[in-house]
Structure formats: C-alpha cells, structure tokens
Amino acid sequence: MLVFLTLIFLAVILYFLSVHFPSVRRIIMRAAYIGLRPIIWISRAMDSLVRLFQRPRWHITGRCLTCGQCCHLLAMGLSPFLVRRPYLQDIIRWYYEINYGFHFEGLAEGRWMLFCCPHLDRKNHCRIYRRRPRICREYPSPYQATRPDVPPLCGYQVHASIQNQVDPLMPGAGRRSP
C-alpha cells in the first residue's frame, strides 16, 4: 500500500513539474517514451505472430492521396474486452498522448477512441513519418474486426475478402475446413 501511495505522490509531483516547467516536461516525456519502447516491441512481435495464422478480413485497394482526413481524426476501434475495462482505455490513451503527442478527442459510440494528430504540415505530410505509430502505418488495416471507416476523399477502397463472403444457402457455410 505504501508503494502505491508513493507512486501516486511521485506522479502528482511529476505532473505538477511538467505543467509549470516545459523543460522538465520534455525530460519526463522522453523518459516515458524510452520506458514504453519494450511495450512497443512486444506488441509488434505479438502482432506479427498473430498475422502468421490469421487471414485478412478485408481486401484493401487504392493508395494514399495525402488528403489528411484520416489524420485529422484517428479512430481506433476497441475490442469488447477493452470496452468493458475503462482503466485499460486510459492506458491506451496515455500511451498515444505521451509517445506520439496525439490529442484525445473522446469516445464515439462507446467503442471507438478518437484522437487528433498534431503532426501534419500544411501539405498534409506527416512530420514524424519514420516513427509514426502502427495505427498510421497500417491504415486501413485489412485485419480489423469491423469494416475500416474510410473518408470519402480517401484513395483507399475496402472490399470484403473472399473468406468473409459466405453463401448462407451452401451446406456447411461459415464452417472452416480442417
């Protein structure tokens, strides 16, 4: 219990210092960024393993036209597991705010976390392109559980993949073969 109270006390002090002293804020943000690196590596490794065995749910065609609409409002879908656990949503929100500088805009429909990216220049080019987050690298993701929401002016088109198109009149429809 004492350790928990000490951590809370330190977090409050660091927050106070970061608000009133920009140079301290930069040091804290850099330390948080370095501390989050192992989580990023583990996440990427787990994602790569999952994709070895999972087929894409969506077929994506087209290319980026640099309209910037997907960056002005990033929507990150939450799994049912995360929807039921608001404290994990807070961790995700803090991760994107601290690591990438995104601004949290709120929740939509209770299952989408909305962020705004401050890293677009006037020509809609990303200023952190080399270290942009996975949500940006893989937009729109063919592995997303729900159909990716693509803005109207976007150059990408989303189609159901072949394995998602199941004919309900066929015997055994929806079952996987061994």
N, C-alpha and C. Protein backbone atom coordinates (compact mmCIF):
# COMPACT_ATOMS: atom_id res chain seq x y z
N MET A 1 0.82 -1.19 0.00
CA MET A 1 0.00 0.00 0.00
C MET A 1 0.87 1.26 0.00
N LEU A 2 1.95 1.21 0.77
CA LEU A 2 2.85 2.36 0.86
C LEU A 2 3.51 2.62 -0.50
N VAL A 3 3.87 1.56 -1.21
CA VAL A 3 4.48 1.71 -2.53
C VAL A 3 3.50 2.37 -3.50
N PHE A 4 2.25 1.95 -3.44
CA PHE A 4 1.22 2.52 -4.31
C PHE A 4 1.03 4.01 -4.03
N LEU A 5 0.96 4.39 -2.76
CA LEU A 5 0.82 5.81 -2.40
C LEU A 5 2.05 6.61 -2.81
N THR A 6 3.22 6.02 -2.70
CA THR A 6 4.44 6.70 -3.13
C THR A 6 4.43 6.95 -4.63
N LEU A 7 3.99 5.95 -5.40
CA LEU A 7 3.91 6.12 -6.85
C LEU A 7 2.91 7.21 -7.23
N ILE A 8 1.78 7.24 -6.54
CA ILE A 8 0.79 8.29 -6.81
C ILE A 8 1.37 9.66 -6.48
N PHE A 9 2.05 9.76 -5.34
CA PHE A 9 2.66 11.02 -4.94
C PHE A 9 3.69 11.48 -5.98
N LEU A 10 4.53 10.56 -6.44
CA LEU A 10 5.53 10.90 -7.47
C LEU A 10 4.85 11.32 -8.77
N ALA A 11 3.78 10.65 -9.15
CA ALA A 11 3.07 11.00 -10.38
C ALA A 11 2.49 12.41 -10.29
N VAL A 12 1.93 12.76 -9.12
CA VAL A 12 1.38 14.11 -8.93
C VAL A 12 2.49 15.15 -9.01
N ILE A 13 3.62 14.90 -8.38
CA ILE A 13 4.75 15.84 -8.42
C ILE A 13 5.25 16.01 -9.86
N LEU A 14 5.43 14.89 -10.56
CA LEU A 14 5.89 14.97 -11.95
C LEU A 14 4.90 15.71 -12.82
N TYR A 15 3.62 15.48 -12.61
CA TYR A 15 2.60 16.20 -13.38
C TYR A 15 2.69 17.70 -13.12
N PHE A 16 2.80 18.08 -11.83
CA PHE A 16 2.91 19.49 -11.47
C PHE A 16 4.13 20.12 -12.12
N LEU A 17 5.27 19.43 -12.04
CA LEU A 17 6.50 19.96 -12.64
C LEU A 17 6.38 20.07 -14.15
N SER A 18 5.73 19.08 -14.78
CA SER A 18 5.63 19.11 -16.25
C SER A 18 4.71 20.22 -16.73
N VAL A 19 3.71 20.57 -15.93
CA VAL A 19 2.79 21.64 -16.33
C VAL A 19 3.47 23.00 -16.22
N HIS A 20 4.25 23.21 -15.17
CA HIS A 20 4.83 24.53 -14.92
C HIS A 20 6.22 24.75 -15.51
N PHE A 21 6.91 23.67 -15.87
CA PHE A 21 8.25 23.79 -16.41
C PHE A 21 8.38 22.97 -17.70
N PRO A 22 8.34 23.63 -18.87
CA PRO A 22 8.40 22.90 -20.15
C PRO A 22 9.64 22.04 -20.31
N SER A 23 10.78 22.47 -19.78
CA SER A 23 11.99 21.67 -19.93
C SER A 23 11.88 20.36 -19.14
N VAL A 24 11.26 20.41 -17.98
CA VAL A 24 11.04 19.19 -17.20
C VAL A 24 10.05 18.29 -17.94
N ARG A 25 9.06 18.91 -18.56
CA ARG A 25 8.07 18.12 -19.33
C ARG A 25 8.75 17.34 -20.45
N ARG A 26 9.69 17.97 -21.16
CA ARG A 26 10.41 17.28 -22.23
C ARG A 26 11.19 16.09 -21.68
N ILE A 27 11.82 16.25 -20.53
CA ILE A 27 12.59 15.16 -19.91
C ILE A 27 11.65 14.02 -19.52
N ILE A 28 10.51 14.36 -18.92
CA ILE A 28 9.54 13.34 -18.50
C ILE A 28 8.99 12.60 -19.72
N MET A 29 8.66 13.35 -20.77
CA MET A 29 8.11 12.73 -21.98
C MET A 29 9.15 11.80 -22.62
N ARG A 30 10.40 12.22 -22.63
CA ARG A 30 11.45 11.39 -23.20
C ARG A 30 11.65 10.11 -22.38
N ALA A 31 11.62 10.24 -21.07
CA ALA A 31 11.76 9.06 -20.20
C ALA A 31 10.58 8.11 -20.40
N ALA A 32 9.37 8.67 -20.52
CA ALA A 32 8.19 7.83 -20.77
C ALA A 32 8.31 7.14 -22.12
N TYR A 33 8.80 7.87 -23.12
CA TYR A 33 8.97 7.29 -24.45
C TYR A 33 9.95 6.12 -24.41
N ILE A 34 11.07 6.30 -23.72
CA ILE A 34 12.07 5.24 -23.60
C ILE A 34 11.49 4.06 -22.81
N GLY A 35 10.74 4.37 -21.77
CA GLY A 35 10.13 3.31 -20.97
C GLY A 35 9.08 2.51 -21.72
N LEU A 36 8.44 3.13 -22.71
CA LEU A 36 7.39 2.45 -23.47
C LEU A 36 7.95 1.62 -24.63
N ARG A 37 9.20 1.79 -24.97
CA ARG A 37 9.79 1.06 -26.10
C ARG A 37 9.63 -0.46 -25.98
N PRO A 38 9.92 -1.08 -24.83
CA PRO A 38 9.73 -2.54 -24.75
C PRO A 38 8.29 -2.96 -25.01
N ILE A 39 7.32 -2.15 -24.57
CA ILE A 39 5.91 -2.47 -24.83
C ILE A 39 5.64 -2.44 -26.32
N ILE A 40 6.22 -1.48 -27.02
CA ILE A 40 6.04 -1.38 -28.47
C ILE A 40 6.65 -2.60 -29.15
N TRP A 41 7.83 -2.99 -28.74
CA TRP A 41 8.48 -4.16 -29.36
C TRP A 41 7.68 -5.43 -29.12
N ILE A 42 7.19 -5.61 -27.90
CA ILE A 42 6.38 -6.80 -27.60
C ILE A 42 5.10 -6.79 -28.41
N SER A 43 4.48 -5.63 -28.52
CA SER A 43 3.24 -5.52 -29.29
C SER A 43 3.47 -5.86 -30.76
N ARG A 44 4.56 -5.36 -31.33
CA ARG A 44 4.85 -5.67 -32.73
C ARG A 44 5.14 -7.15 -32.93
N ALA A 45 5.88 -7.76 -32.00
CA ALA A 45 6.19 -9.19 -32.11
C ALA A 45 4.92 -10.03 -32.01
N MET A 46 4.04 -9.70 -31.07
CA MET A 46 2.79 -10.44 -30.92
C MET A 46 1.91 -10.27 -32.16
N ASP A 47 1.88 -9.06 -32.69
CA ASP A 47 1.09 -8.80 -33.89
C ASP A 47 1.61 -9.61 -35.08
N SER A 48 2.91 -9.69 -35.21
CA SER A 48 3.50 -10.48 -36.30
C SER A 48 3.16 -11.95 -36.17
N LEU A 49 3.18 -12.46 -34.94
CA LEU A 49 2.82 -13.86 -34.72
C LEU A 49 1.35 -14.13 -35.05
N VAL A 50 0.48 -13.23 -34.64
CA VAL A 50 -0.94 -13.40 -34.92
C VAL A 50 -1.18 -13.41 -36.42
N ARG A 51 -0.50 -12.55 -37.14
CA ARG A 51 -0.73 -12.43 -38.58
C ARG A 51 -0.18 -13.61 -39.37
N LEU A 52 0.69 -14.39 -38.75
CA LEU A 52 1.14 -15.61 -39.42
C LEU A 52 -0.01 -16.60 -39.57
N PHE A 53 -0.95 -16.57 -38.63
CA PHE A 53 -2.03 -17.55 -38.61
C PHE A 53 -3.39 -16.97 -38.97
N GLN A 54 -3.53 -15.67 -39.01
CA GLN A 54 -4.82 -15.05 -39.28
C GLN A 54 -4.86 -14.51 -40.71
N ARG A 55 -5.97 -14.77 -41.39
CA ARG A 55 -6.15 -14.23 -42.74
C ARG A 55 -6.73 -12.82 -42.66
N PRO A 56 -6.44 -11.97 -43.64
CA PRO A 56 -7.04 -10.63 -43.64
C PRO A 56 -8.55 -10.71 -43.80
N ARG A 57 -9.26 -9.86 -43.08
CA ARG A 57 -10.73 -9.84 -43.16
C ARG A 57 -11.22 -8.96 -44.30
N TRP A 58 -10.38 -8.01 -44.73
CA TRP A 58 -10.78 -7.04 -45.74
C TRP A 58 -9.74 -6.97 -46.83
N HIS A 59 -10.19 -6.71 -48.05
CA HIS A 59 -9.30 -6.52 -49.19
C HIS A 59 -9.24 -5.02 -49.46
N ILE A 60 -8.05 -4.46 -49.35
CA ILE A 60 -7.85 -3.01 -49.50
C ILE A 60 -7.20 -2.74 -50.85
N THR A 61 -7.79 -1.82 -51.62
CA THR A 61 -7.20 -1.40 -52.89
C THR A 61 -7.01 0.12 -52.85
N GLY A 62 -6.24 0.63 -53.77
CA GLY A 62 -6.02 2.06 -53.87
C GLY A 62 -4.72 2.47 -53.20
N ARG A 63 -4.56 3.78 -53.04
CA ARG A 63 -3.35 4.32 -52.42
C ARG A 63 -3.69 5.62 -51.71
N CYS A 64 -2.76 6.08 -50.92
CA CYS A 64 -2.94 7.32 -50.16
C CYS A 64 -2.86 8.52 -51.10
N LEU A 65 -3.82 9.42 -51.00
CA LEU A 65 -3.84 10.64 -51.82
C LEU A 65 -3.40 11.86 -51.01
N THR A 66 -2.91 11.66 -49.81
CA THR A 66 -2.47 12.70 -48.87
C THR A 66 -3.55 13.76 -48.65
N CYS A 67 -4.78 13.31 -48.46
CA CYS A 67 -5.86 14.26 -48.15
C CYS A 67 -5.81 14.67 -46.69
N GLY A 68 -5.24 13.84 -45.82
CA GLY A 68 -5.08 14.17 -44.41
C GLY A 68 -6.32 13.94 -43.56
N GLN A 69 -7.41 13.49 -44.14
CA GLN A 69 -8.63 13.30 -43.36
C GLN A 69 -8.47 12.22 -42.30
N CYS A 70 -7.73 11.17 -42.61
CA CYS A 70 -7.55 10.08 -41.63
C CYS A 70 -6.68 10.54 -40.47
N CYS A 71 -5.88 11.57 -40.66
CA CYS A 71 -5.00 12.06 -39.59
C CYS A 71 -5.67 13.12 -38.72
N HIS A 72 -6.61 13.85 -39.29
CA HIS A 72 -7.29 14.87 -38.50
C HIS A 72 -8.14 14.25 -37.41
N LEU A 73 -8.69 13.08 -37.68
CA LEU A 73 -9.46 12.36 -36.67
C LEU A 73 -9.19 10.88 -36.81
N LEU A 74 -8.28 10.38 -35.95
CA LEU A 74 -7.94 8.95 -35.92
C LEU A 74 -8.97 8.22 -35.07
N ALA A 75 -9.54 7.17 -35.61
CA ALA A 75 -10.49 6.37 -34.85
C ALA A 75 -9.88 5.00 -34.62
N MET A 76 -9.68 4.66 -33.36
CA MET A 76 -9.12 3.37 -33.01
C MET A 76 -10.22 2.52 -32.40
N GLY A 77 -10.54 1.41 -33.07
CA GLY A 77 -11.59 0.52 -32.59
C GLY A 77 -11.16 -0.23 -31.34
N LEU A 78 -12.09 -0.35 -30.41
CA LEU A 78 -11.83 -1.07 -29.17
C LEU A 78 -12.50 -2.44 -29.22
N SER A 79 -11.79 -3.44 -28.77
CA SER A 79 -12.37 -4.78 -28.70
C SER A 79 -13.38 -4.82 -27.55
N PRO A 80 -14.28 -5.80 -27.55
CA PRO A 80 -15.21 -5.92 -26.42
C PRO A 80 -14.50 -6.02 -25.07
N PHE A 81 -13.33 -6.65 -25.06
CA PHE A 81 -12.53 -6.76 -23.84
C PHE A 81 -12.16 -5.36 -23.31
N LEU A 82 -11.71 -4.47 -24.21
CA LEU A 82 -11.31 -3.13 -23.81
C LEU A 82 -12.50 -2.24 -23.49
N VAL A 83 -13.63 -2.47 -24.15
CA VAL A 83 -14.82 -1.67 -23.89
C VAL A 83 -15.27 -1.85 -22.44
N ARG A 84 -15.13 -3.06 -21.92
CA ARG A 84 -15.55 -3.36 -20.55
C ARG A 84 -14.53 -2.91 -19.50
N ARG A 85 -13.36 -2.45 -19.92
CA ARG A 85 -12.31 -2.08 -18.96
C ARG A 85 -11.81 -0.66 -19.23
N PRO A 86 -12.48 0.34 -18.65
CA PRO A 86 -12.08 1.73 -18.89
C PRO A 86 -10.65 2.05 -18.45
N TYR A 87 -10.14 1.36 -17.43
CA TYR A 87 -8.78 1.65 -16.97
C TYR A 87 -7.76 1.27 -18.05
N LEU A 88 -8.04 0.24 -18.86
CA LEU A 88 -7.15 -0.11 -19.96
C LEU A 88 -7.26 0.92 -21.09
N GLN A 89 -8.45 1.48 -21.26
CA GLN A 89 -8.62 2.55 -22.24
C GLN A 89 -7.77 3.76 -21.86
N ASP A 90 -7.71 4.05 -20.55
CA ASP A 90 -6.87 5.15 -20.09
C ASP A 90 -5.41 4.90 -20.40
N ILE A 91 -4.94 3.68 -20.23
CA ILE A 91 -3.55 3.34 -20.53
C ILE A 91 -3.27 3.54 -22.02
N ILE A 92 -4.19 3.10 -22.88
CA ILE A 92 -4.03 3.28 -24.32
C ILE A 92 -4.00 4.77 -24.66
N ARG A 93 -4.91 5.52 -24.05
CA ARG A 93 -4.97 6.98 -24.31
C ARG A 93 -3.66 7.63 -23.90
N TRP A 94 -3.16 7.31 -22.71
CA TRP A 94 -1.90 7.89 -22.25
C TRP A 94 -0.74 7.48 -23.15
N TYR A 95 -0.75 6.25 -23.60
CA TYR A 95 0.31 5.76 -24.48
C TYR A 95 0.40 6.63 -25.74
N TYR A 96 -0.74 6.85 -26.39
CA TYR A 96 -0.73 7.64 -27.62
C TYR A 96 -0.48 9.12 -27.35
N GLU A 97 -0.90 9.63 -26.23
CA GLU A 97 -0.63 11.03 -25.89
C GLU A 97 0.84 11.24 -25.58
N ILE A 98 1.43 10.34 -24.78
CA ILE A 98 2.82 10.51 -24.37
C ILE A 98 3.77 10.16 -25.51
N ASN A 99 3.55 9.04 -26.16
CA ASN A 99 4.51 8.54 -27.15
C ASN A 99 4.44 9.29 -28.48
N TYR A 100 3.25 9.69 -28.90
CA TYR A 100 3.11 10.31 -30.22
C TYR A 100 2.55 11.73 -30.20
N GLY A 101 2.15 12.21 -29.04
CA GLY A 101 1.64 13.57 -28.94
C GLY A 101 0.23 13.74 -29.47
N PHE A 102 -0.52 12.65 -29.64
CA PHE A 102 -1.89 12.75 -30.13
C PHE A 102 -2.76 13.43 -29.07
N HIS A 103 -3.81 14.10 -29.52
CA HIS A 103 -4.77 14.73 -28.63
C HIS A 103 -6.02 13.86 -28.57
N PHE A 104 -6.41 13.46 -27.37
CA PHE A 104 -7.59 12.62 -27.20
C PHE A 104 -8.84 13.47 -27.37
N GLU A 105 -9.71 13.06 -28.28
CA GLU A 105 -10.93 13.81 -28.57
C GLU A 105 -12.16 13.23 -27.87
N GLY A 106 -12.10 11.96 -27.47
CA GLY A 106 -13.23 11.35 -26.78
C GLY A 106 -13.54 9.96 -27.32
N LEU A 107 -14.64 9.41 -26.83
CA LEU A 107 -15.11 8.10 -27.29
C LEU A 107 -16.33 8.30 -28.18
N ALA A 108 -16.42 7.50 -29.23
CA ALA A 108 -17.57 7.54 -30.12
C ALA A 108 -18.27 6.19 -30.07
N GLU A 109 -19.55 6.22 -29.85
CA GLU A 109 -20.38 5.02 -29.80
C GLU A 109 -19.89 4.02 -28.76
N GLY A 110 -19.08 4.48 -27.81
CA GLY A 110 -18.60 3.61 -26.75
C GLY A 110 -17.56 2.59 -27.16
N ARG A 111 -17.19 2.55 -28.45
CA ARG A 111 -16.22 1.53 -28.88
C ARG A 111 -15.15 2.06 -29.83
N TRP A 112 -15.08 3.38 -29.99
CA TRP A 112 -14.04 4.00 -30.82
C TRP A 112 -13.36 5.09 -30.00
N MET A 113 -12.03 5.01 -29.90
CA MET A 113 -11.26 6.09 -29.28
C MET A 113 -10.85 7.05 -30.39
N LEU A 114 -11.15 8.32 -30.21
CA LEU A 114 -10.86 9.32 -31.23
C LEU A 114 -9.68 10.18 -30.81
N PHE A 115 -8.72 10.30 -31.72
CA PHE A 115 -7.53 11.11 -31.49
C PHE A 115 -7.38 12.09 -32.64
N CYS A 116 -6.71 13.19 -32.37
CA CYS A 116 -6.34 14.16 -33.41
C CYS A 116 -4.82 14.20 -33.44
N CYS A 117 -4.26 14.16 -34.64
CA CYS A 117 -2.81 14.16 -34.78
C CYS A 117 -2.30 15.57 -35.05
N PRO A 118 -1.36 16.07 -34.25
CA PRO A 118 -0.82 17.41 -34.46
C PRO A 118 0.39 17.44 -35.39
N HIS A 119 0.73 16.32 -36.02
CA HIS A 119 1.98 16.23 -36.76
C HIS A 119 1.84 16.44 -38.27
N LEU A 120 0.71 16.93 -38.74
CA LEU A 120 0.54 17.20 -40.17
C LEU A 120 1.05 18.60 -40.48
N ASP A 121 1.77 18.72 -41.59
CA ASP A 121 2.17 20.06 -42.01
C ASP A 121 1.08 20.62 -42.93
N ARG A 122 1.31 21.76 -43.53
CA ARG A 122 0.28 22.42 -44.36
C ARG A 122 -0.04 21.65 -45.64
N LYS A 123 0.89 20.79 -46.08
CA LYS A 123 0.66 19.99 -47.29
C LYS A 123 0.13 18.60 -46.95
N ASN A 124 -0.31 18.41 -45.73
CA ASN A 124 -0.83 17.12 -45.24
C ASN A 124 0.22 16.01 -45.26
N HIS A 125 1.47 16.36 -45.03
CA HIS A 125 2.53 15.37 -44.90
C HIS A 125 2.85 15.19 -43.43
N CYS A 126 3.18 13.98 -43.06
CA CYS A 126 3.47 13.64 -41.67
C CYS A 126 4.89 14.07 -41.30
N ARG A 127 5.01 14.80 -40.19
CA ARG A 127 6.33 15.24 -39.74
C ARG A 127 7.06 14.16 -38.95
N ILE A 128 6.36 13.11 -38.52
CA ILE A 128 7.02 12.01 -37.78
C ILE A 128 6.88 10.71 -38.57
N TYR A 129 6.96 10.81 -39.89
CA TYR A 129 6.67 9.67 -40.76
C TYR A 129 7.51 8.44 -40.42
N ARG A 130 8.79 8.62 -40.13
CA ARG A 130 9.67 7.47 -39.86
C ARG A 130 9.32 6.77 -38.54
N ARG A 131 8.75 7.47 -37.59
CA ARG A 131 8.40 6.84 -36.32
C ARG A 131 6.90 6.91 -36.03
N ARG A 132 6.12 7.00 -37.07
CA ARG A 132 4.67 7.06 -36.89
C ARG A 132 4.16 5.76 -36.27
N PRO A 133 3.04 5.82 -35.54
CA PRO A 133 2.55 4.62 -34.86
C PRO A 133 1.97 3.60 -35.83
N ARG A 134 1.78 2.40 -35.33
CA ARG A 134 1.26 1.31 -36.15
C ARG A 134 -0.13 1.62 -36.69
N ILE A 135 -0.94 2.33 -35.93
CA ILE A 135 -2.29 2.67 -36.40
C ILE A 135 -2.20 3.50 -37.69
N CYS A 136 -1.15 4.29 -37.84
CA CYS A 136 -0.96 5.09 -39.05
C CYS A 136 -0.29 4.26 -40.16
N ARG A 137 0.67 3.44 -39.80
CA ARG A 137 1.38 2.62 -40.78
C ARG A 137 0.45 1.68 -41.53
N GLU A 138 -0.52 1.14 -40.81
CA GLU A 138 -1.36 0.09 -41.38
C GLU A 138 -2.75 0.57 -41.79
N TYR A 139 -2.94 1.88 -41.87
CA TYR A 139 -4.26 2.40 -42.23
C TYR A 139 -4.52 2.20 -43.71
N PRO A 140 -5.68 1.74 -44.08
CA PRO A 140 -6.68 1.00 -43.32
C PRO A 140 -6.25 -0.45 -43.16
N SER A 141 -6.46 -1.01 -41.99
CA SER A 141 -5.96 -2.36 -41.69
C SER A 141 -6.88 -3.44 -42.25
N PRO A 142 -6.33 -4.37 -43.01
CA PRO A 142 -7.14 -5.48 -43.52
C PRO A 142 -7.47 -6.50 -42.44
N TYR A 143 -6.86 -6.38 -41.26
CA TYR A 143 -7.08 -7.33 -40.16
C TYR A 143 -8.08 -6.82 -39.14
N GLN A 144 -8.58 -5.63 -39.33
CA GLN A 144 -9.51 -5.02 -38.39
C GLN A 144 -10.80 -5.84 -38.31
N ALA A 145 -11.34 -5.98 -37.10
CA ALA A 145 -12.54 -6.81 -36.90
C ALA A 145 -13.76 -6.20 -37.60
N THR A 146 -13.91 -4.89 -37.51
CA THR A 146 -15.03 -4.21 -38.18
C THR A 146 -14.52 -3.59 -39.47
N ARG A 147 -15.44 -3.31 -40.37
CA ARG A 147 -15.06 -2.71 -41.65
C ARG A 147 -14.37 -1.36 -41.42
N PRO A 148 -13.16 -1.16 -41.96
CA PRO A 148 -12.47 0.11 -41.77
C PRO A 148 -13.29 1.27 -42.35
N ASP A 149 -13.39 2.33 -41.57
CA ASP A 149 -14.14 3.51 -41.99
C ASP A 149 -13.19 4.43 -42.76
N VAL A 150 -13.39 4.51 -44.06
CA VAL A 150 -12.51 5.29 -44.93
C VAL A 150 -13.22 6.59 -45.31
N PRO A 151 -12.56 7.75 -45.14
CA PRO A 151 -13.20 9.03 -45.51
C PRO A 151 -13.54 9.08 -47.00
N PRO A 152 -14.52 9.91 -47.37
CA PRO A 152 -14.97 9.97 -48.77
C PRO A 152 -13.88 10.35 -49.78
N LEU A 153 -12.97 11.25 -49.42
CA LEU A 153 -11.94 11.69 -50.37
C LEU A 153 -10.70 10.80 -50.37
N CYS A 154 -10.71 9.76 -49.55
CA CYS A 154 -9.56 8.88 -49.43
C CYS A 154 -9.40 8.04 -50.69
N GLY A 155 -8.16 7.71 -51.01
CA GLY A 155 -7.88 6.91 -52.20
C GLY A 155 -8.02 5.41 -51.99
N TYR A 156 -8.27 4.99 -50.76
CA TYR A 156 -8.42 3.57 -50.46
C TYR A 156 -9.87 3.13 -50.64
N GLN A 157 -10.04 1.89 -51.10
CA GLN A 157 -11.36 1.26 -51.16
C GLN A 157 -11.28 -0.03 -50.36
N VAL A 158 -12.33 -0.33 -49.62
CA VAL A 158 -12.38 -1.52 -48.77
C VAL A 158 -13.43 -2.47 -49.33
N HIS A 159 -13.02 -3.73 -49.53
CA HIS A 159 -13.91 -4.77 -50.03
C HIS A 159 -13.82 -5.96 -49.07
N ALA A 160 -14.91 -6.71 -48.97
CA ALA A 160 -14.88 -7.92 -48.15
C ALA A 160 -13.93 -8.92 -48.82
N SER A 161 -13.12 -9.59 -48.01
CA SER A 161 -12.21 -10.58 -48.59
C SER A 161 -12.99 -11.84 -48.93
N ILE A 162 -12.40 -12.71 -49.73
CA ILE A 162 -13.07 -13.91 -50.21
C ILE A 162 -13.55 -14.78 -49.06
N GLN A 163 -12.74 -14.97 -48.01
CA GLN A 163 -13.15 -15.85 -46.92
C GLN A 163 -14.27 -15.25 -46.07
N ASN A 164 -14.52 -13.92 -46.16
CA ASN A 164 -15.63 -13.32 -45.44
C ASN A 164 -16.95 -13.45 -46.19
N GLN A 165 -16.89 -13.71 -47.47
CA GLN A 165 -18.11 -13.83 -48.27
C GLN A 165 -18.60 -15.27 -48.20
N VAL A 166 -19.56 -15.52 -47.32
CA VAL A 166 -20.08 -16.86 -47.10
C VAL A 166 -21.50 -16.91 -47.64
N ASP A 167 -21.79 -17.91 -48.47
CA ASP A 167 -23.13 -18.09 -49.01
C ASP A 167 -23.94 -18.88 -47.99
N PRO A 168 -24.99 -18.27 -47.38
CA PRO A 168 -25.74 -18.96 -46.34
C PRO A 168 -26.55 -20.14 -46.87
N LEU A 169 -26.75 -20.25 -48.19
CA LEU A 169 -27.52 -21.36 -48.74
C LEU A 169 -26.68 -22.60 -48.95
N MET A 170 -25.36 -22.46 -48.90
CA MET A 170 -24.49 -23.61 -49.11
C MET A 170 -24.39 -24.43 -47.84
N PRO A 171 -24.40 -25.78 -47.96
CA PRO A 171 -24.23 -26.60 -46.77
C PRO A 171 -22.86 -26.37 -46.14
N GLY A 172 -22.84 -26.23 -44.84
CA GLY A 172 -21.58 -26.03 -44.13
C GLY A 172 -21.06 -24.61 -44.22
N ALA A 173 -21.92 -23.65 -44.60
CA ALA A 173 -21.48 -22.27 -44.76
C ALA A 173 -21.01 -21.72 -43.41
N GLY A 174 -19.89 -21.06 -43.42
CA GLY A 174 -19.36 -20.44 -42.23
C GLY A 174 -18.44 -21.35 -41.43
N ARG A 175 -18.40 -22.63 -41.75
CA ARG A 175 -17.51 -23.55 -41.03
C ARG A 175 -16.16 -23.62 -41.73
N ARG A 176 -15.13 -23.75 -40.93
CA ARG A 176 -13.80 -23.90 -41.51
C ARG A 176 -13.53 -25.35 -41.79
N SER A 177 -12.86 -25.60 -42.89
CA SER A 177 -12.47 -26.98 -43.18
C SER A 177 -11.22 -27.32 -42.40
N PRO A 178 -11.04 -28.61 -42.00
CA PRO A 178 -9.87 -28.97 -41.19
C PRO A 178 -8.57 -28.90 -41.94
